[in-house]
Protein backbone atom coordinates (compact mmCIF):
# COMPACT_ATOMS: atom_id res chain seq x y z
CA MET A 1 25.92 10.78 -1.78
CA HIS A 2 28.47 8.87 0.18
CA GLY A 3 26.82 9.78 3.22
CA ASN A 4 23.40 8.53 2.22
CA PHE A 5 24.89 5.31 1.42
CA VAL A 6 26.63 4.50 4.42
CA ARG A 7 23.33 5.56 6.68
CA GLY A 8 21.68 3.28 4.22
CA MET A 9 23.98 0.08 4.71
CA GLU A 10 23.91 1.44 8.90
CA LEU A 11 20.15 1.12 8.74
CA ASN A 12 20.03 -2.11 6.63
CA LEU A 13 22.88 -3.64 9.34
CA HIS A 14 20.39 -2.71 12.01
CA ILE A 15 17.57 -4.20 10.60
CA GLU A 16 19.99 -7.37 9.56
CA ASN A 17 20.10 -8.06 13.31
CA LYS A 18 16.75 -7.22 14.24
CA MET A 19 15.32 -9.99 11.45
CA MET A 20 16.61 -12.84 9.68
CA LEU A 21 15.80 -12.91 6.08
CA ALA A 22 16.58 -15.42 3.10
CA ARG A 23 19.36 -14.14 1.41
CA ASP A 24 16.98 -14.01 -1.71
CA ILE A 25 14.54 -11.92 -0.47
CA TRP A 26 17.25 -9.51 1.07
CA GLY A 27 18.87 -8.76 -2.41
CA LYS A 28 15.79 -8.37 -4.09
CA VAL A 29 14.65 -5.53 -1.43
CA ASN A 30 18.23 -4.08 -2.12
CA LYS A 31 17.79 -4.21 -5.85
CA ASP A 32 14.26 -3.38 -6.44
CA PHE A 33 14.03 -0.04 -3.80
CA GLU A 34 15.66 2.91 -5.37
CA THR A 35 17.51 3.89 -2.83
CA PRO A 36 19.30 2.37 0.50
CA GLU A 37 17.20 4.76 2.78
CA GLU A 38 13.87 2.81 0.86
CA ALA A 39 15.53 -0.56 0.82
CA ALA A 40 15.99 -0.09 4.67
CA LEU A 41 12.54 1.15 5.66
CA ALA A 42 10.91 -1.76 3.19
CA LEU A 43 12.77 -4.08 5.09
CA SER A 44 12.11 -2.47 8.78
CA VAL A 45 8.15 -2.40 7.62
CA MET A 46 8.89 -6.42 7.01
CA ALA A 47 10.66 -6.60 10.48
CA ASP A 48 8.03 -5.41 11.83
CA PHE A 49 5.39 -7.40 10.13
CA VAL A 50 7.18 -10.77 10.62
CA ASP A 51 7.53 -9.68 14.27
CA GLN A 52 3.92 -9.15 14.66
CA ASN A 53 2.59 -11.95 12.79
CA GLN A 54 5.06 -15.01 12.74
CA GLU A 55 2.41 -17.34 11.29
CA LEU A 56 2.98 -15.54 8.28
CA SER A 57 6.28 -15.08 8.16
CA SER A 58 7.31 -18.25 5.82
CA ASP A 59 9.81 -17.07 2.35
CA ARG A 60 7.16 -18.02 0.33
CA ILE A 61 4.66 -14.99 1.96
CA LEU A 62 7.62 -12.67 2.52
CA ARG A 63 8.67 -13.55 -1.38
CA CYS A 64 4.86 -12.53 -2.59
CA ILE A 65 5.36 -9.45 -0.74
CA VAL A 66 8.37 -8.43 -2.13
CA LEU A 67 7.36 -9.11 -5.67
CA VAL A 68 4.00 -7.37 -5.28
CA ALA A 69 5.57 -4.63 -3.93
CA ASP A 70 7.89 -4.05 -6.94
CA GLY A 71 10.16 -1.63 -5.07
CA ASP A 72 7.54 0.54 -4.37
CA LEU A 73 6.69 1.27 -0.51
CA ASN A 74 2.99 1.77 -1.10
CA ARG A 75 2.68 -1.26 -2.99
CA LEU A 76 4.61 -2.81 -0.11
CA GLU A 77 2.41 -1.78 2.68
CA LYS A 78 -0.50 -3.07 0.24
CA ALA A 79 0.87 -6.70 0.07
CA ILE A 80 1.29 -6.37 3.82
CA ASN A 81 -2.09 -6.05 4.59
CA LEU A 82 -3.22 -8.77 1.82
CA ALA A 83 -1.34 -10.86 3.66
CA LYS A 84 -2.81 -10.30 7.15
CA THR A 85 -6.00 -10.20 5.41
CA ASP A 86 -5.84 -13.52 3.65
CA TYR A 87 -2.09 -14.85 2.52
CA ARG A 88 -4.05 -16.96 0.03
CA ASP A 89 -5.04 -13.97 -2.31
CA LEU A 90 -1.66 -12.56 -2.01
CA ILE A 91 -0.13 -15.89 -3.29
CA VAL A 92 -2.57 -15.71 -5.99
CA TRP A 93 -1.79 -12.19 -6.99
CA ALA A 94 2.07 -13.10 -6.83
CA GLU A 95 2.08 -16.45 -8.31
CA TYR A 96 -0.35 -16.66 -11.27
CA ASP A 97 -1.32 -14.72 -14.51
CA GLU A 98 -4.82 -13.14 -15.07
CA LYS A 99 -6.34 -16.70 -16.68
CA ASN A 100 -5.53 -18.18 -12.98
CA GLU A 101 -2.53 -20.11 -14.64
CA ARG A 102 0.95 -20.51 -12.36
CA VAL A 103 3.63 -18.57 -13.80
CA ARG A 104 6.12 -18.84 -10.62
CA ASP A 105 6.37 -20.75 -7.71
CA LEU A 106 7.81 -18.30 -4.53
CA SER A 107 8.34 -20.90 -2.77
CA ASN A 108 11.74 -21.56 -4.16
CA PRO A 109 14.31 -18.45 -4.13
CA PHE A 110 14.15 -15.69 -6.50
């Protein structure tokens, strides 16, 4: 177990050097994903998204992606794909309820 934790930390440090995330986003990813390896993979996928889509790399969009992912790598991929297709749909999914009432503002930290 200790070895997995250390490998996860090494991956996180590598990713941290590749991409700067707001502290609250970084913390939520590490909290939501079950293992350090999953969190590191999620952060790596997000780093690739930011590198390839800098116009979509606002903290708000990244918070929406993390919230929608809810600790699931498949949901993370779906949220990223939705952001690429139409980031406004992602915001609605993350910030509004089924009655289209705003329930959170992810312009603010978690």
